[in-house]
Amino acid sequence: MKVIILSDNFDLLYKDYLQATYSAQWNIETGFRCRLQCPYCQRQRKEAKQKIKAASEISIETFLKLGDSCRELVLCGQISDPLYHPKLIEILEIKSTEFQDLRLVINTNGSGKSLNWWKKAYAAADKNTYWVFGLDGASQESANVYRIGTNFDNVLEAMKLGASLGFEITWQYILFQHNEHELEKAREIAKVHKINFALLYSNRWPKDHQGIFKSQLQNKIISINSVDKIYEYTKHK
């Protein structure tokens, strides 16, 4: 539904506009870096090289402006992963000291950082920072089929550490044919360690499936033709 506001009072209209944008959830691309090679990711498309080449990393100055401009900021890249921003820990420190009321959500594959790095990251973050880890399997063998280059143990330890420190950690699990047999195991791991579990049923299946197939369990969903994806979300906090 479209809403058209007619007014000859520009100042009032602009004030309403600013309030609306401030209340909205903003999703930001933080840069151009990612270590994984997920087959259906935008990074793997023909036009991706030009996008990556043209991209730049968000500056501290820009983050300060964003912190003053919205109530909720989501770092969920299409061609990058915020985890690999070279100043992410500094950004977390600024957020926790300058913008405590800002809800910050970080979506990441979680791979490639040491446990010591994660200790520093969690120490810099406040509890109004939420972490969503993409891990599609309950073993290295399954998780690496789609998220090529992931390190299952590395990601799981990062999630467990965050949950043990009182952060709201979510395990996002995209369901495929190759990982459906590990779904209940993943749910149990999440429950034991008080990690939220988000099961994602995707509706984005390219003609060139590259050996990756939809789970038969997804057929139990009546219809998801009207949406790109749906979640089954279990909170364990």
C-alpha atoms as a PDB file:
ATOM      1  CA  MET A   1       0.000   0.000   0.000  1.00  0.00           C
ATOM      2  CA  LYS A   2       1.327   3.392  -0.988  1.00  0.00           C
ATOM      3  CA  VAL A   3       0.781   6.401   1.222  1.00  0.00           C
ATOM      4  CA  ILE A   4       0.854   9.807  -0.435  1.00  0.00           C
ATOM      5  CA  ILE A   5       1.146  12.810   1.830  1.00  0.00           C
ATOM      6  CA  LEU A   6      -0.069  16.100   0.416  1.00  0.00           C
ATOM      7  CA  SER A   7       0.990  19.197   2.266  1.00  0.00           C
ATOM      8  CA  ASP A   8       2.029  22.745   1.487  1.00  0.00           C
ATOM      9  CA  ASN A   9       3.997  22.876   4.745  1.00  0.00           C
ATOM     10  CA  PHE A  10       7.436  21.685   3.663  1.00  0.00           C
ATOM     11  CA  ASP A  11       8.987  22.008   7.111  1.00  0.00           C
ATOM     12  CA  LEU A  12       6.336  19.767   8.650  1.00  0.00           C
ATOM     13  CA  LEU A  13       6.565  17.277   5.788  1.00  0.00           C
ATOM     14  CA  TYR A  14      10.354  17.124   6.069  1.00  0.00           C
ATOM     15  CA  LYS A  15      10.125  16.624   9.840  1.00  0.00           C
ATOM     16  CA  ASP A  16       7.738  13.691   9.304  1.00  0.00           C
ATOM     17  CA  TYR A  17      10.081  12.269   6.681  1.00  0.00           C
ATOM     18  CA  LEU A  18      13.070  12.412   9.019  1.00  0.00           C
ATOM     19  CA  GLN A  19      11.079  10.739  11.787  1.00  0.00           C
ATOM     20  CA  ALA A  20      10.006   7.955   9.433  1.00  0.00           C
ATOM     21  CA  THR A  21      13.547   7.287   8.230  1.00  0.00           C
ATOM     22  CA  TYR A  22      14.889   7.363  11.787  1.00  0.00           C
ATOM     23  CA  SER A  23      12.359   4.733  12.853  1.00  0.00           C
ATOM     24  CA  ALA A  24      13.114   2.448   9.907  1.00  0.00           C
ATOM     25  CA  GLN A  25      15.531  -0.476   9.900  1.00  0.00           C
ATOM     26  CA  TRP A  26      18.583   0.303   7.766  1.00  0.00           C
ATOM     27  CA  ASN A  27      20.611  -2.419   6.067  1.00  0.00           C
ATOM     28  CA  ILE A  28      24.182  -1.440   5.202  1.00  0.00           C
ATOM     29  CA  GLU A  29      26.830  -3.000   2.967  1.00  0.00           C
ATOM     30  CA  THR A  30      30.066  -2.560   4.908  1.00  0.00           C
ATOM     31  CA  GLY A  31      32.583  -3.249   2.167  1.00  0.00           C
ATOM     32  CA  PHE A  32      33.734  -5.785  -0.405  1.00  0.00           C
ATOM     33  CA  ARG A  33      35.490  -8.566   1.524  1.00  0.00           C
ATOM     34  CA  CYS A  34      34.343 -12.165   2.024  1.00  0.00           C
ATOM     35  CA  ARG A  35      36.351 -15.373   2.281  1.00  0.00           C
ATOM     36  CA  LEU A  36      33.586 -17.788   1.281  1.00  0.00           C
ATOM     37  CA  GLN A  37      32.517 -18.877  -2.214  1.00  0.00           C
ATOM     38  CA  CYS A  38      28.783 -19.563  -1.838  1.00  0.00           C
ATOM     39  CA  PRO A  39      27.468 -20.614  -5.294  1.00  0.00           C
ATOM     40  CA  TYR A  40      24.232 -18.585  -5.237  1.00  0.00           C
ATOM     41  CA  CYS A  41      25.801 -15.437  -3.754  1.00  0.00           C
ATOM     42  CA  GLN A  42      25.856 -12.210  -5.737  1.00  0.00           C
ATOM     43  CA  ARG A  43      29.650 -12.381  -5.607  1.00  0.00           C
ATOM     44  CA  GLN A  44      29.514 -15.339  -7.999  1.00  0.00           C
ATOM     45  CA  ARG A  45      27.473 -13.569 -10.688  1.00  0.00           C
ATOM     46  CA  LYS A  46      28.993 -12.268 -13.911  1.00  0.00           C
ATOM     47  CA  GLU A  47      28.537  -8.622 -12.954  1.00  0.00           C
ATOM     48  CA  ALA A  48      29.955  -9.111  -9.468  1.00  0.00           C
ATOM     49  CA  LYS A  49      33.570  -8.271 -10.265  1.00  0.00           C
ATOM     50  CA  GLN A  50      32.628  -4.749 -11.271  1.00  0.00           C
ATOM     51  CA  LYS A  51      30.496  -4.280  -8.151  1.00  0.00           C
ATOM     52  CA  ILE A  52      33.275  -5.510  -5.904  1.00  0.00           C
ATOM     53  CA  LYS A  53      35.829  -3.327  -7.664  1.00  0.00           C
ATOM     54  CA  ALA A  54      33.592  -0.263  -7.265  1.00  0.00           C
ATOM     55  CA  ALA A  55      32.786  -0.934  -3.606  1.00  0.00           C
ATOM     56  CA  SER A  56      34.566   0.701  -0.693  1.00  0.00           C
ATOM     57  CA  GLU A  57      34.582   0.020   3.027  1.00  0.00           C
ATOM     58  CA  ILE A  58      32.383   2.016   5.346  1.00  0.00           C
ATOM     59  CA  SER A  59      34.399   4.645   7.206  1.00  0.00           C
ATOM     60  CA  ILE A  60      34.252   5.460  10.898  1.00  0.00           C
ATOM     61  CA  GLU A  61      32.912   8.892   9.953  1.00  0.00           C
ATOM     62  CA  THR A  62      30.054   7.297   8.010  1.00  0.00           C
ATOM     63  CA  PHE A  63      29.221   4.950  10.878  1.00  0.00           C
ATOM     64  CA  LEU A  64      29.010   7.924  13.243  1.00  0.00           C
ATOM     65  CA  LYS A  65      26.494   9.550  10.906  1.00  0.00           C
ATOM     66  CA  LEU A  66      24.481   6.333  10.669  1.00  0.00           C
ATOM     67  CA  GLY A  67      24.409   5.992  14.440  1.00  0.00           C
ATOM     68  CA  ASP A  68      22.734   9.379  14.683  1.00  0.00           C
ATOM     69  CA  SER A  69      20.261   8.633  11.889  1.00  0.00           C
ATOM     70  CA  CYS A  70      18.405   5.441  12.788  1.00  0.00           C
ATOM     71  CA  ARG A  71      17.231   3.203  15.625  1.00  0.00           C
ATOM     72  CA  GLU A  72      18.164  -0.116  14.068  1.00  0.00           C
ATOM     73  CA  LEU A  73      21.139  -0.865  11.833  1.00  0.00           C
ATOM     74  CA  VAL A  74      21.670  -4.215  10.137  1.00  0.00           C
ATOM     75  CA  LEU A  75      25.053  -5.158   8.717  1.00  0.00           C
ATOM     76  CA  CYS A  76      24.113  -7.837   6.197  1.00  0.00           C
ATOM     77  CA  GLY A  77      26.126  -7.700   3.000  1.00  0.00           C
ATOM     78  CA  GLN A  78      25.205  -8.779  -0.501  1.00  0.00           C
ATOM     79  CA  ILE A  79      28.800  -8.764  -1.754  1.00  0.00           C
ATOM     80  CA  SER A  80      30.620  -8.616   1.589  1.00  0.00           C
ATOM     81  CA  ASP A  81      30.620  -9.900   5.149  1.00  0.00           C
ATOM     82  CA  PRO A  82      30.923  -7.313   7.947  1.00  0.00           C
ATOM     83  CA  LEU A  83      33.191  -9.681   9.865  1.00  0.00           C
ATOM     84  CA  TYR A  84      36.066  -8.814   7.535  1.00  0.00           C
ATOM     85  CA  HIS A  85      35.826  -5.055   7.865  1.00  0.00           C
ATOM     86  CA  PRO A  86      39.297  -4.112   9.184  1.00  0.00           C
ATOM     87  CA  LYS A  87      37.827  -1.728  11.766  1.00  0.00           C
ATOM     88  CA  LEU A  88      34.865  -3.780  12.964  1.00  0.00           C
ATOM     89  CA  ILE A  89      36.072  -3.903  16.573  1.00  0.00           C
ATOM     90  CA  GLU A  90      36.523  -0.134  16.560  1.00  0.00           C
ATOM     91  CA  ILE A  91      32.999   0.223  15.186  1.00  0.00           C
ATOM     92  CA  LEU A  92      31.704  -1.995  17.999  1.00  0.00           C
ATOM     93  CA  GLU A  93      33.504   0.136  20.576  1.00  0.00           C
ATOM     94  CA  ILE A  94      32.003   3.328  19.151  1.00  0.00           C
ATOM     95  CA  LYS A  95      28.545   1.776  19.069  1.00  0.00           C
ATOM     96  CA  SER A  96      28.744   0.649  22.716  1.00  0.00           C
ATOM     97  CA  THR A  97      29.945   4.041  23.978  1.00  0.00           C
ATOM     98  CA  GLU A  98      28.176   6.512  21.682  1.00  0.00           C
ATOM     99  CA  PHE A  99      24.990   4.735  20.562  1.00  0.00           C
ATOM    100  CA  GLN A 100      23.731   2.475  23.336  1.00  0.00           C
ATOM    101  CA  ASP A 101      20.121   2.834  22.177  1.00  0.00           C
ATOM    102  CA  LEU A 102      20.964   1.781  18.637  1.00  0.00           C
ATOM    103  CA  ARG A 103      20.006  -1.829  17.887  1.00  0.00           C
ATOM    104  CA  LEU A 104      22.836  -3.302  15.819  1.00  0.00           C
ATOM    105  CA  VAL A 105      22.433  -6.649  14.033  1.00  0.00           C
ATOM    106  CA  ILE A 106      25.490  -8.289  12.483  1.00  0.00           C
ATOM    107  CA  ASN A 107      24.920 -11.065   9.936  1.00  0.00           C
ATOM    108  CA  THR A 108      28.056 -13.089   9.268  1.00  0.00           C
ATOM    109  CA  ASN A 109      29.320 -16.468   8.122  1.00  0.00           C
ATOM    110  CA  GLY A 110      31.554 -16.367  11.214  1.00  0.00           C
ATOM    111  CA  SER A 111      34.617 -18.037   9.691  1.00  0.00           C
ATOM    112  CA  GLY A 112      38.262 -17.068   9.738  1.00  0.00           C
ATOM    113  CA  LYS A 113      38.666 -15.334  13.094  1.00  0.00           C
ATOM    114  CA  SER A 114      40.495 -16.755  16.106  1.00  0.00           C
ATOM    115  CA  LEU A 115      38.811 -17.264  19.456  1.00  0.00           C
ATOM    116  CA  ASN A 116      40.988 -14.456  20.844  1.00  0.00           C
ATOM    117  CA  TRP A 117      39.631 -12.136  18.159  1.00  0.00           C
ATOM    118  CA  TRP A 118      36.083 -13.077  19.151  1.00  0.00           C
ATOM    119  CA  LYS A 119      36.857 -12.384  22.798  1.00  0.00           C
ATOM    120  CA  LYS A 120      37.967  -8.872  21.808  1.00  0.00           C
ATOM    121  CA  ALA A 121      34.902  -8.367  19.597  1.00  0.00           C
ATOM    122  CA  TYR A 122      32.443  -9.417  22.301  1.00  0.00           C
ATOM    123  CA  ALA A 123      34.314  -7.296  24.855  1.00  0.00           C
ATOM    124  CA  ALA A 124      33.916  -4.278  22.570  1.00  0.00           C
ATOM    125  CA  ALA A 125      30.217  -4.916  21.867  1.00  0.00           C
ATOM    126  CA  ASP A 126      27.253  -4.108  24.089  1.00  0.00           C
ATOM    127  CA  LYS A 127      24.196  -6.247  24.701  1.00  0.00           C
ATOM    128  CA  ASN A 128      22.172  -4.210  22.192  1.00  0.00           C
ATOM    129  CA  THR A 129      24.294  -5.835  19.485  1.00  0.00           C
ATOM    130  CA  TYR A 130      22.870  -9.042  18.025  1.00  0.00           C
ATOM    131  CA  TRP A 131      24.784 -11.659  16.065  1.00  0.00           C
ATOM    132  CA  VAL A 132      23.389 -13.904  13.318  1.00  0.00           C
ATOM    133  CA  PHE A 133      25.696 -16.683  12.097  1.00  0.00           C
ATOM    134  CA  GLY A 134      25.097 -18.437   8.768  1.00  0.00           C
ATOM    135  CA  LEU A 135      26.021 -22.100   9.232  1.00  0.00           C
ATOM    136  CA  ASP A 136      24.207 -24.638   7.063  1.00  0.00           C
ATOM    137  CA  GLY A 137      24.979 -27.946   8.675  1.00  0.00           C
ATOM    138  CA  ALA A 138      25.971 -29.671  11.913  1.00  0.00           C
ATOM    139  CA  SER A 139      29.329 -30.864  10.577  1.00  0.00           C
ATOM    140  CA  GLN A 140      32.163 -29.521   8.450  1.00  0.00           C
ATOM    141  CA  GLU A 141      31.206 -31.882   5.627  1.00  0.00           C
ATOM    142  CA  SER A 142      27.650 -30.567   5.303  1.00  0.00           C
ATOM    143  CA  ALA A 143      28.278 -26.917   6.159  1.00  0.00           C
ATOM    144  CA  ASN A 144      30.992 -26.623   3.505  1.00  0.00           C
ATOM    145  CA  VAL A 145      28.848 -27.861   0.606  1.00  0.00           C
ATOM    146  CA  TYR A 146      27.136 -24.497   0.089  1.00  0.00           C
ATOM    147  CA  ARG A 147      29.236 -22.130   2.215  1.00  0.00           C
ATOM    148  CA  ILE A 148      32.470 -23.142   0.534  1.00  0.00           C
ATOM    149  CA  GLY A 149      35.390 -22.201   2.736  1.00  0.00           C
ATOM    150  CA  THR A 150      33.542 -22.217   6.046  1.00  0.00           C
ATOM    151  CA  ASN A 151      35.034 -23.719   9.189  1.00  0.00           C
ATOM    152  CA  PHE A 152      32.317 -25.417  11.215  1.00  0.00           C
ATOM    153  CA  ASP A 153      34.254 -25.745  14.467  1.00  0.00           C
ATOM    154  CA  ASN A 154      35.470 -22.148  14.225  1.00  0.00           C
ATOM    155  CA  VAL A 155      31.942 -20.791  13.766  1.00  0.00           C
ATOM    156  CA  LEU A 156      30.367 -22.986  16.425  1.00  0.00           C
ATOM    157  CA  GLU A 157      32.966 -21.937  19.008  1.00  0.00           C
ATOM    158  CA  ALA A 158      32.322 -18.270  18.194  1.00  0.00           C
ATOM    159  CA  MET A 159      28.578 -18.778  18.692  1.00  0.00           C
ATOM    160  CA  LYS A 160      29.052 -20.704  21.933  1.00  0.00           C
ATOM    161  CA  LEU A 161      31.362 -18.041  23.316  1.00  0.00           C
ATOM    162  CA  GLY A 162      28.919 -15.242  22.511  1.00  0.00           C
ATOM    163  CA  ALA A 163      26.003 -17.101  24.091  1.00  0.00           C
ATOM    164  CA  SER A 164      28.040 -17.878  27.213  1.00  0.00           C
ATOM    165  CA  LEU A 165      28.777 -14.161  27.583  1.00  0.00           C
ATOM    166  CA  GLY A 166      25.080 -13.299  27.514  1.00  0.00           C
ATOM    167  CA  PHE A 167      24.776 -12.097  23.915  1.00  0.00           C
ATOM    168  CA  GLU A 168      21.761 -12.982  21.806  1.00  0.00           C
ATOM    169  CA  ILE A 169      23.255 -15.319  19.223  1.00  0.00           C
ATOM    170  CA  THR A 170      21.259 -16.787  16.343  1.00  0.00           C
ATOM    171  CA  TRP A 171      22.266 -19.788  14.238  1.00  0.00           C
ATOM    172  CA  GLN A 172      20.771 -19.310  10.758  1.00  0.00           C
ATOM    173  CA  TYR A 173      20.457 -22.630   8.974  1.00  0.00           C
ATOM    174  CA  ILE A 174      19.461 -22.684   5.289  1.00  0.00           C
ATOM    175  CA  LEU A 175      17.817 -26.027   4.579  1.00  0.00           C
ATOM    176  CA  PHE A 176      19.143 -28.053   1.645  1.00  0.00           C
ATOM    177  CA  GLN A 177      18.907 -31.683   0.599  1.00  0.00           C
ATOM    178  CA  HIS A 178      22.516 -32.252   1.666  1.00  0.00           C
ATOM    179  CA  ASN A 179      22.022 -31.002   5.229  1.00  0.00           C
ATOM    180  CA  GLU A 180      18.450 -32.048   6.080  1.00  0.00           C
ATOM    181  CA  HIS A 181      19.719 -35.157   7.895  1.00  0.00           C
ATOM    182  CA  GLU A 182      21.630 -32.942  10.352  1.00  0.00           C
ATOM    183  CA  LEU A 183      18.788 -30.559  11.134  1.00  0.00           C
ATOM    184  CA  GLU A 184      17.750 -32.116  14.443  1.00  0.00           C
ATOM    185  CA  LYS A 185      21.374 -32.428  15.549  1.00  0.00           C
ATOM    186  CA  ALA A 186      21.879 -28.707  14.848  1.00  0.00           C
ATOM    187  CA  ARG A 187      18.725 -27.822  16.766  1.00  0.00           C
ATOM    188  CA  GLU A 188      19.912 -29.837  19.743  1.00  0.00           C
ATOM    189  CA  ILE A 189      23.360 -28.205  19.725  1.00  0.00           C
ATOM    190  CA  ALA A 190      21.699 -24.782  19.652  1.00  0.00           C
ATOM    191  CA  LYS A 191      19.376 -25.695  22.522  1.00  0.00           C
ATOM    192  CA  VAL A 192      22.197 -27.017  24.715  1.00  0.00           C
ATOM    193  CA  HIS A 193      24.254 -23.865  24.274  1.00  0.00           C
ATOM    194  CA  LYS A 194      21.314 -21.412  24.442  1.00  0.00           C
ATOM    195  CA  ILE A 195      21.757 -20.287  20.854  1.00  0.00           C
ATOM    196  CA  ASN A 196      18.653 -19.132  18.997  1.00  0.00           C
ATOM    197  CA  PHE A 197      17.902 -21.245  15.918  1.00  0.00           C
ATOM    198  CA  ALA A 198      16.500 -19.823  12.674  1.00  0.00           C
ATOM    199  CA  LEU A 199      15.644 -22.389  10.007  1.00  0.00           C
ATOM    200  CA  LEU A 200      15.453 -20.735   6.611  1.00  0.00           C
ATOM    201  CA  TYR A 201      13.445 -22.169   3.728  1.00  0.00           C
ATOM    202  CA  SER A 202      14.723 -20.491   0.575  1.00  0.00           C
ATOM    203  CA  ASN A 203      12.670 -19.932  -2.572  1.00  0.00           C
ATOM    204  CA  ARG A 204      15.632 -18.850  -4.678  1.00  0.00           C
ATOM    205  CA  TRP A 205      16.683 -21.808  -6.803  1.00  0.00           C
ATOM    206  CA  PRO A 206      18.546 -20.942 -10.025  1.00  0.00           C
ATOM    207  CA  LYS A 207      18.267 -23.162 -13.084  1.00  0.00           C
ATOM    208  CA  ASP A 208      21.964 -23.918 -12.765  1.00  0.00           C
ATOM    209  CA  HIS A 209      21.666 -25.652  -9.395  1.00  0.00           C
ATOM    210  CA  GLN A 210      25.375 -26.615  -9.361  1.00  0.00           C
ATOM    211  CA  GLY A 211      24.613 -29.860  -7.561  1.00  0.00           C
ATOM    212  CA  ILE A 212      22.751 -28.156  -4.706  1.00  0.00           C
ATOM    213  CA  PHE A 213      19.128 -29.228  -4.271  1.00  0.00           C
ATOM    214  CA  LYS A 214      16.078 -28.227  -2.274  1.00  0.00           C
ATOM    215  CA  SER A 215      15.322 -30.318   0.794  1.00  0.00           C
ATOM    216  CA  GLN A 216      12.372 -32.682   0.602  1.00  0.00           C
ATOM    217  CA  LEU A 217      11.377 -31.380   4.032  1.00  0.00           C
ATOM    218  CA  GLN A 218      10.587 -28.059   2.403  1.00  0.00           C
ATOM    219  CA  ASN A 219       7.700 -29.677   0.550  1.00  0.00           C
ATOM    220  CA  LYS A 220       5.862 -29.784   3.877  1.00  0.00           C
ATOM    221  CA  ILE A 221       5.463 -26.030   3.634  1.00  0.00           C
ATOM    222  CA  ILE A 222       2.071 -25.312   2.020  1.00  0.00           C
ATOM    223  CA  SER A 223       3.324 -22.487  -0.190  1.00  0.00           C
ATOM    224  CA  ILE A 224       6.100 -19.949  -0.129  1.00  0.00           C
ATOM    225  CA  ASN A 225       5.597 -18.682  -3.672  1.00  0.00           C
ATOM    226  CA  SER A 226       4.566 -15.261  -2.417  1.00  0.00           C
ATOM    227  CA  VAL A 227       7.756 -14.669  -0.448  1.00  0.00           C
ATOM    228  CA  ASP A 228      11.463 -15.147  -1.040  1.00  0.00           C
ATOM    229  CA  LYS A 229      12.104 -16.935   2.234  1.00  0.00           C
ATOM    230  CA  ILE A 230      10.511 -17.816   5.533  1.00  0.00           C
ATOM    231  CA  TYR A 231      11.912 -18.679   8.920  1.00  0.00           C
ATOM    232  CA  GLU A 232      11.131 -21.115  11.660  1.00  0.00           C
ATOM    233  CA  TYR A 233      12.599 -19.353  14.669  1.00  0.00           C
ATOM    234  CA  THR A 234      13.315 -20.902  18.046  1.00  0.00           C
ATOM    235  CA  LYS A 235      14.588 -18.705  20.868  1.00  0.00           C
ATOM    236  CA  HIS A 236      16.682 -20.335  23.568  1.00  0.00           C
ATOM    237  CA  LYS A 237      17.652 -17.294  25.640  1.00  0.00           C
END
